[in-house]
Amino acid sequence: MEAEVVKSELVLPSYYSFKKVQMYDKYPKGQPKGRWKHLKQILQAENFQNYPPDEPNYINIESPPSMHPCKRICDITGFEAPYSDPRTRLRYANTDVFKLVRSLPNEYVQRYLALRNAAVVLK
Protein backbone atom coordinates (compact mmCIF):
# COMPACT_ATOMS: atom_id res chain seq x y z
CA MET A 1 0.00 0.00 0.00
CA GLU A 2 1.19 3.38 -0.89
CA ALA A 3 0.66 6.30 1.48
CA GLU A 4 -1.50 9.06 0.17
CA VAL A 5 0.09 12.44 -0.21
CA VAL A 6 -2.20 15.11 1.03
CA LYS A 7 -1.63 18.56 -0.33
CA SER A 8 -2.41 21.32 2.11
CA GLU A 9 -1.90 25.01 2.16
CA LEU A 10 0.42 25.68 5.08
CA VAL A 11 1.12 29.36 5.52
CA LEU A 12 3.89 30.33 7.90
CA PRO A 13 3.83 33.78 9.43
CA SER A 14 6.36 36.27 8.08
CA TYR A 15 7.40 37.13 11.62
CA TYR A 16 7.38 35.40 14.96
CA SER A 17 5.59 37.07 17.83
CA PHE A 18 8.29 36.21 20.37
CA LYS A 19 10.88 38.29 18.54
CA LYS A 20 10.54 42.04 18.81
CA VAL A 21 12.26 43.13 15.62
CA GLN A 22 13.11 40.87 12.75
CA MET A 23 16.33 41.54 10.90
CA TYR A 24 14.54 41.70 7.54
CA ASP A 25 12.17 44.32 8.93
CA LYS A 26 15.03 46.36 10.30
CA TYR A 27 17.24 46.08 7.22
CA PRO A 28 15.27 45.44 4.00
CA LYS A 29 17.02 43.65 1.17
CA GLY A 30 19.67 45.71 -0.53
CA GLN A 31 20.27 48.09 2.36
CA PRO A 32 23.49 47.97 4.35
CA LYS A 33 23.41 46.40 7.81
CA GLY A 34 25.90 48.81 9.34
CA ARG A 35 24.57 50.16 12.61
CA TRP A 36 27.31 52.61 13.50
CA LYS A 37 28.21 55.83 11.78
CA HIS A 38 31.72 57.14 11.81
CA LEU A 39 32.39 60.65 13.08
CA LYS A 40 33.09 61.82 9.54
CA GLN A 41 29.64 60.62 8.40
CA ILE A 42 27.95 62.30 11.37
CA LEU A 43 29.73 65.58 10.67
CA GLN A 44 28.70 65.51 7.03
CA ALA A 45 25.07 64.72 7.86
CA GLU A 46 24.79 67.23 10.69
CA ASN A 47 24.53 70.86 9.72
CA PHE A 48 26.70 72.17 12.55
CA GLN A 49 27.27 75.62 10.98
CA ASN A 50 23.70 76.65 11.87
CA TYR A 51 24.12 75.93 15.59
CA PRO A 52 24.98 78.74 18.00
CA PRO A 53 28.67 78.75 18.96
CA ASP A 54 28.02 78.15 22.67
CA GLU A 55 25.90 75.00 22.12
CA PRO A 56 27.92 71.75 22.37
CA ASN A 57 28.08 69.55 19.27
CA TYR A 58 30.51 67.10 17.67
CA ILE A 59 32.84 69.86 16.49
CA ASN A 60 32.76 71.82 19.74
CA ILE A 61 33.24 69.30 22.54
CA GLU A 62 33.24 71.90 25.26
CA SER A 63 30.27 71.29 27.52
CA PRO A 64 29.25 72.37 30.99
CA PRO A 65 30.59 70.38 33.95
CA SER A 66 28.79 67.21 34.88
CA MET A 67 26.16 67.31 37.59
CA HIS A 68 27.00 63.74 38.66
CA PRO A 69 29.57 63.22 41.45
CA CYS A 70 32.93 61.98 40.23
CA LYS A 71 33.90 58.38 40.84
CA ARG A 72 36.33 57.64 43.62
CA ILE A 73 39.30 55.82 42.16
CA CYS A 74 41.96 53.86 44.06
CA ASP A 75 45.22 55.83 44.10
CA ILE A 76 47.33 52.68 43.78
CA THR A 77 45.44 50.31 41.46
CA GLY A 78 43.03 52.54 39.52
CA PHE A 79 39.97 50.46 40.46
CA GLU A 80 36.87 51.95 42.02
CA ALA A 81 37.67 52.72 45.67
CA PRO A 82 34.92 52.56 48.26
CA TYR A 83 37.38 53.18 51.13
CA SER A 84 39.86 55.86 52.14
CA ASP A 85 42.57 55.74 54.77
CA PRO A 86 41.96 58.40 57.46
CA ARG A 87 45.65 58.69 58.30
CA THR A 88 47.11 59.16 54.81
CA ARG A 89 43.87 60.21 53.01
CA LEU A 90 44.72 57.81 50.17
CA ARG A 91 41.87 55.89 48.57
CA TYR A 92 42.12 52.12 48.33
CA ALA A 93 40.10 49.29 46.78
CA ASN A 94 40.70 46.30 49.06
CA THR A 95 42.63 45.04 52.10
CA ASP A 96 45.77 44.14 50.15
CA VAL A 97 46.07 47.69 48.88
CA PHE A 98 45.34 49.01 52.38
CA LYS A 99 48.35 47.09 53.73
CA LEU A 100 50.48 48.64 50.99
CA VAL A 101 49.12 52.14 51.70
CA ARG A 102 49.99 51.83 55.39
CA SER A 103 53.53 50.66 54.58
CA LEU A 104 54.28 53.60 52.23
CA PRO A 105 56.67 56.30 53.47
CA ASN A 106 55.24 59.80 53.90
CA GLU A 107 57.14 61.07 50.82
CA TYR A 108 55.36 58.57 48.54
CA VAL A 109 51.99 59.33 50.13
CA GLN A 110 52.46 63.03 49.33
CA ARG A 111 53.34 62.15 45.73
CA TYR A 112 50.17 60.08 45.31
CA LEU A 113 48.09 62.89 46.80
CA ALA A 114 49.80 65.41 44.50
CA LEU A 115 48.75 63.34 41.47
CA ARG A 116 45.15 63.72 42.61
CA ASN A 117 45.61 67.43 43.47
CA ALA A 118 44.85 66.66 47.12
CA ALA A 119 48.36 67.12 48.50
CA VAL A 120 48.86 68.70 51.87
CA VAL A 121 52.00 70.78 52.32
CA LEU A 122 53.62 69.76 55.58
CA LYS A 123 55.72 72.40 57.37
C-alpha atoms as a PDB file:
ATOM      1  CA  MET A   1       0.000   0.000   0.000  1.00  0.00           C
ATOM      2  CA  GLU A   2       1.190   3.379  -0.890  1.00  0.00           C
ATOM      3  CA  ALA A   3       0.664   6.304   1.482  1.00  0.00           C
ATOM      4  CA  GLU A   4      -1.505   9.055   0.165  1.00  0.00           C
ATOM      5  CA  VAL A   5       0.095  12.441  -0.213  1.00  0.00           C
ATOM      6  CA  VAL A   6      -2.198  15.110   1.032  1.00  0.00           C
ATOM      7  CA  LYS A   7      -1.629  18.559  -0.325  1.00  0.00           C
ATOM      8  CA  SER A   8      -2.407  21.319   2.109  1.00  0.00           C
ATOM      9  CA  GLU A   9      -1.900  25.006   2.157  1.00  0.00           C
ATOM     10  CA  LEU A  10       0.418  25.684   5.083  1.00  0.00           C
ATOM     11  CA  VAL A  11       1.117  29.359   5.516  1.00  0.00           C
ATOM     12  CA  LEU A  12       3.887  30.334   7.899  1.00  0.00           C
ATOM     13  CA  PRO A  13       3.830  33.784   9.429  1.00  0.00           C
ATOM     14  CA  SER A  14       6.364  36.266   8.077  1.00  0.00           C
ATOM     15  CA  TYR A  15       7.403  37.130  11.621  1.00  0.00           C
ATOM     16  CA  TYR A  16       7.380  35.403  14.959  1.00  0.00           C
ATOM     17  CA  SER A  17       5.593  37.071  17.832  1.00  0.00           C
ATOM     18  CA  PHE A  18       8.294  36.207  20.369  1.00  0.00           C
ATOM     19  CA  LYS A  19      10.875  38.293  18.545  1.00  0.00           C
ATOM     20  CA  LYS A  20      10.545  42.036  18.815  1.00  0.00           C
ATOM     21  CA  VAL A  21      12.256  43.134  15.623  1.00  0.00           C
ATOM     22  CA  GLN A  22      13.113  40.872  12.745  1.00  0.00           C
ATOM     23  CA  MET A  23      16.333  41.535  10.904  1.00  0.00           C
ATOM     24  CA  TYR A  24      14.542  41.701   7.543  1.00  0.00           C
ATOM     25  CA  ASP A  25      12.171  44.322   8.925  1.00  0.00           C
ATOM     26  CA  LYS A  26      15.025  46.358  10.302  1.00  0.00           C
ATOM     27  CA  TYR A  27      17.238  46.083   7.217  1.00  0.00           C
ATOM     28  CA  PRO A  28      15.267  45.439   3.995  1.00  0.00           C
ATOM     29  CA  LYS A  29      17.020  43.647   1.174  1.00  0.00           C
ATOM     30  CA  GLY A  30      19.667  45.707  -0.533  1.00  0.00           C
ATOM     31  CA  GLN A  31      20.275  48.088   2.359  1.00  0.00           C
ATOM     32  CA  PRO A  32      23.485  47.966   4.354  1.00  0.00           C
ATOM     33  CA  LYS A  33      23.407  46.405   7.810  1.00  0.00           C
ATOM     34  CA  GLY A  34      25.900  48.813   9.342  1.00  0.00           C
ATOM     35  CA  ARG A  35      24.571  50.160  12.612  1.00  0.00           C
ATOM     36  CA  TRP A  36      27.306  52.610  13.500  1.00  0.00           C
ATOM     37  CA  LYS A  37      28.209  55.828  11.780  1.00  0.00           C
ATOM     38  CA  HIS A  38      31.719  57.145  11.806  1.00  0.00           C
ATOM     39  CA  LEU A  39      32.386  60.649  13.084  1.00  0.00           C
ATOM     40  CA  LYS A  40      33.085  61.821   9.539  1.00  0.00           C
ATOM     41  CA  GLN A  41      29.640  60.620   8.403  1.00  0.00           C
ATOM     42  CA  ILE A  42      27.952  62.300  11.371  1.00  0.00           C
ATOM     43  CA  LEU A  43      29.727  65.577  10.672  1.00  0.00           C
ATOM     44  CA  GLN A  44      28.702  65.510   7.028  1.00  0.00           C
ATOM     45  CA  ALA A  45      25.075  64.725   7.863  1.00  0.00           C
ATOM     46  CA  GLU A  46      24.794  67.235  10.687  1.00  0.00           C
ATOM     47  CA  ASN A  47      24.532  70.863   9.719  1.00  0.00           C
ATOM     48  CA  PHE A  48      26.703  72.174  12.547  1.00  0.00           C
ATOM     49  CA  GLN A  49      27.270  75.620  10.980  1.00  0.00           C
ATOM     50  CA  ASN A  50      23.704  76.653  11.871  1.00  0.00           C
ATOM     51  CA  TYR A  51      24.124  75.932  15.589  1.00  0.00           C
ATOM     52  CA  PRO A  52      24.976  78.744  17.998  1.00  0.00           C
ATOM     53  CA  PRO A  53      28.667  78.746  18.956  1.00  0.00           C
ATOM     54  CA  ASP A  54      28.021  78.149  22.665  1.00  0.00           C
ATOM     55  CA  GLU A  55      25.902  75.000  22.124  1.00  0.00           C
ATOM     56  CA  PRO A  56      27.924  71.752  22.373  1.00  0.00           C
ATOM     57  CA  ASN A  57      28.079  69.554  19.274  1.00  0.00           C
ATOM     58  CA  TYR A  58      30.515  67.097  17.668  1.00  0.00           C
ATOM     59  CA  ILE A  59      32.842  69.860  16.493  1.00  0.00           C
ATOM     60  CA  ASN A  60      32.760  71.824  19.735  1.00  0.00           C
ATOM     61  CA  ILE A  61      33.245  69.301  22.537  1.00  0.00           C
ATOM     62  CA  GLU A  62      33.235  71.900  25.265  1.00  0.00           C
ATOM     63  CA  SER A  63      30.270  71.293  27.516  1.00  0.00           C
ATOM     64  CA  PRO A  64      29.248  72.369  30.994  1.00  0.00           C
ATOM     65  CA  PRO A  65      30.593  70.376  33.946  1.00  0.00           C
ATOM     66  CA  SER A  66      28.793  67.205  34.882  1.00  0.00           C
ATOM     67  CA  MET A  67      26.158  67.312  37.591  1.00  0.00           C
ATOM     68  CA  HIS A  68      26.996  63.742  38.664  1.00  0.00           C
ATOM     69  CA  PRO A  69      29.566  63.221  41.448  1.00  0.00           C
ATOM     70  CA  CYS A  70      32.933  61.978  40.234  1.00  0.00           C
ATOM     71  CA  LYS A  71      33.904  58.379  40.838  1.00  0.00           C
ATOM     72  CA  ARG A  72      36.325  57.644  43.624  1.00  0.00           C
ATOM     73  CA  ILE A  73      39.303  55.817  42.161  1.00  0.00           C
ATOM     74  CA  CYS A  74      41.959  53.861  44.061  1.00  0.00           C
ATOM     75  CA  ASP A  75      45.215  55.829  44.096  1.00  0.00           C
ATOM     76  CA  ILE A  76      47.331  52.678  43.776  1.00  0.00           C
ATOM     77  CA  THR A  77      45.445  50.305  41.458  1.00  0.00           C
ATOM     78  CA  GLY A  78      43.031  52.536  39.524  1.00  0.00           C
ATOM     79  CA  PHE A  79      39.975  50.456  40.463  1.00  0.00           C
ATOM     80  CA  GLU A  80      36.871  51.954  42.024  1.00  0.00           C
ATOM     81  CA  ALA A  81      37.673  52.718  45.666  1.00  0.00           C
ATOM     82  CA  PRO A  82      34.915  52.558  48.263  1.00  0.00           C
ATOM     83  CA  TYR A  83      37.379  53.178  51.130  1.00  0.00           C
ATOM     84  CA  SER A  84      39.858  55.861  52.143  1.00  0.00           C
ATOM     85  CA  ASP A  85      42.572  55.737  54.774  1.00  0.00           C
ATOM     86  CA  PRO A  86      41.961  58.399  57.462  1.00  0.00           C
ATOM     87  CA  ARG A  87      45.651  58.693  58.304  1.00  0.00           C
ATOM     88  CA  THR A  88      47.105  59.158  54.808  1.00  0.00           C
ATOM     89  CA  ARG A  89      43.868  60.210  53.011  1.00  0.00           C
ATOM     90  CA  LEU A  90      44.719  57.811  50.168  1.00  0.00           C
ATOM     91  CA  ARG A  91      41.869  55.895  48.570  1.00  0.00           C
ATOM     92  CA  TYR A  92      42.116  52.116  48.331  1.00  0.00           C
ATOM     93  CA  ALA A  93      40.101  49.292  46.776  1.00  0.00           C
ATOM     94  CA  ASN A  94      40.702  46.302  49.064  1.00  0.00           C
ATOM     95  CA  THR A  95      42.634  45.044  52.097  1.00  0.00           C
ATOM     96  CA  ASP A  96      45.771  44.139  50.148  1.00  0.00           C
ATOM     97  CA  VAL A  97      46.074  47.692  48.879  1.00  0.00           C
ATOM     98  CA  PHE A  98      45.339  49.014  52.385  1.00  0.00           C
ATOM     99  CA  LYS A  99      48.350  47.095  53.731  1.00  0.00           C
ATOM    100  CA  LEU A 100      50.479  48.640  50.991  1.00  0.00           C
ATOM    101  CA  VAL A 101      49.117  52.139  51.703  1.00  0.00           C
ATOM    102  CA  ARG A 102      49.994  51.830  55.395  1.00  0.00           C
ATOM    103  CA  SER A 103      53.532  50.655  54.579  1.00  0.00           C
ATOM    104  CA  LEU A 104      54.283  53.596  52.229  1.00  0.00           C
ATOM    105  CA  PRO A 105      56.666  56.296  53.475  1.00  0.00           C
ATOM    106  CA  ASN A 106      55.244  59.798  53.898  1.00  0.00           C
ATOM    107  CA  GLU A 107      57.139  61.071  50.823  1.00  0.00           C
ATOM    108  CA  TYR A 108      55.355  58.574  48.543  1.00  0.00           C
ATOM    109  CA  VAL A 109      51.985  59.327  50.127  1.00  0.00           C
ATOM    110  CA  GLN A 110      52.460  63.030  49.333  1.00  0.00           C
ATOM    111  CA  ARG A 111      53.343  62.154  45.732  1.00  0.00           C
ATOM    112  CA  TYR A 112      50.173  60.084  45.311  1.00  0.00           C
ATOM    113  CA  LEU A 113      48.089  62.888  46.799  1.00  0.00           C
ATOM    114  CA  ALA A 114      49.799  65.415  44.497  1.00  0.00           C
ATOM    115  CA  LEU A 115      48.745  63.343  41.470  1.00  0.00           C
ATOM    116  CA  ARG A 116      45.150  63.724  42.609  1.00  0.00           C
ATOM    117  CA  ASN A 117      45.612  67.432  43.474  1.00  0.00           C
ATOM    118  CA  ALA A 118      44.851  66.661  47.122  1.00  0.00           C
ATOM    119  CA  ALA A 119      48.357  67.123  48.500  1.00  0.00           C
ATOM    120  CA  VAL A 120      48.864  68.697  51.873  1.00  0.00           C
ATOM    121  CA  VAL A 121      51.999  70.776  52.325  1.00  0.00           C
ATOM    122  CA  LEU A 122      53.618  69.761  55.581  1.00  0.00           C
ATOM    123  CA  LYS A 123      55.720  72.396  57.367  1.00  0.00           C
END
